[in-house]
Protein backbone atom coordinates (compact mmCIF):
# COMPACT_ATOMS: atom_id res chain seq x y z
CA MET A 1 3.50 1.43 13.34
CA LYS A 2 6.63 1.25 11.24
CA LEU A 3 6.13 0.27 7.60
CA THR A 4 8.32 0.26 4.54
CA VAL A 5 6.51 1.72 1.53
CA ASN A 6 8.25 1.47 -1.84
CA GLY A 7 11.57 1.05 -0.05
CA GLU A 8 11.16 4.05 2.30
CA ALA A 9 10.53 3.84 6.04
CA HIS A 10 7.28 5.41 7.30
CA GLU A 11 5.71 5.78 10.72
CA ILE A 12 1.98 5.43 10.00
CA ALA A 13 -1.07 5.18 12.27
CA THR A 14 -3.40 3.49 9.77
CA ALA A 15 -4.86 0.01 10.25
CA THR A 16 -5.72 -1.09 6.72
CA LEU A 17 -4.09 -0.97 3.33
CA ALA A 18 -6.91 1.24 2.00
CA GLU A 19 -6.32 3.74 4.82
CA LEU A 20 -2.60 3.75 4.06
CA LEU A 21 -3.24 4.50 0.38
CA ALA A 22 -5.55 7.38 1.31
CA THR A 23 -3.03 8.77 3.82
CA LEU A 24 -0.27 8.72 1.20
CA ASP A 25 -2.59 10.25 -1.47
CA TYR A 26 -2.72 7.20 -3.71
CA GLU A 27 -6.12 6.91 -5.34
CA GLY A 28 -7.66 4.62 -7.90
CA ASN A 29 -8.38 0.95 -8.34
CA TRP A 30 -5.83 0.81 -11.15
CA LEU A 31 -2.99 0.72 -8.62
CA ALA A 32 -1.24 -2.57 -7.96
CA THR A 33 -0.43 -3.28 -4.31
CA ALA A 34 1.64 -5.95 -2.60
CA VAL A 35 2.33 -6.54 1.08
CA ASN A 36 5.38 -8.62 1.93
CA SER A 37 5.59 -9.64 -1.76
CA ASP A 38 1.98 -10.94 -1.82
CA LEU A 39 -0.44 -9.24 -4.22
CA VAL A 40 -3.43 -7.56 -2.53
CA HIS A 41 -6.36 -7.01 -4.90
CA ALA A 42 -8.22 -3.69 -4.85
CA ALA A 43 -11.37 -5.35 -3.48
CA GLU A 44 -9.42 -6.65 -0.45
CA ARG A 45 -7.63 -3.43 0.57
CA ALA A 46 -10.32 -2.08 2.91
CA LEU A 47 -10.17 -5.26 5.02
CA PHE A 48 -6.44 -5.98 4.74
CA GLN A 49 -4.93 -5.34 8.18
CA LEU A 50 -1.38 -4.02 8.25
CA LYS A 51 1.15 -5.12 10.86
CA ASP A 52 4.24 -3.43 12.23
CA GLY A 53 7.18 -4.15 9.94
CA ASP A 54 5.15 -4.84 6.79
CA ARG A 55 6.73 -4.02 3.44
CA ILE A 56 4.28 -2.45 1.02
CA GLU A 57 4.83 -1.90 -2.69
CA ILE A 58 2.51 0.47 -4.55
CA LEU A 59 2.80 0.44 -8.32
CA SER A 60 1.04 2.63 -10.83
CA PRO A 61 1.18 2.55 -14.63
CA MET A 62 3.53 5.02 -16.27
CA GLN A 63 3.09 6.75 -19.57
CA GLY A 64 5.91 6.98 -21.98
CA GLY A 65 7.00 6.08 -25.37
């Protein structure tokens, strides 16, 4: 299926948001995720079904000063 992840097009064969994160090597419950501008909590990712054309944003905290 075709997805847009952080503004980049991807062809991915995963069914859930949790599978997508694992495929793209994103790990940790401290990540913030949104699908089509709707927040998806960490506890819901394993059951959240992705659809062709979804736009996913994956945000992680940055260090700096």
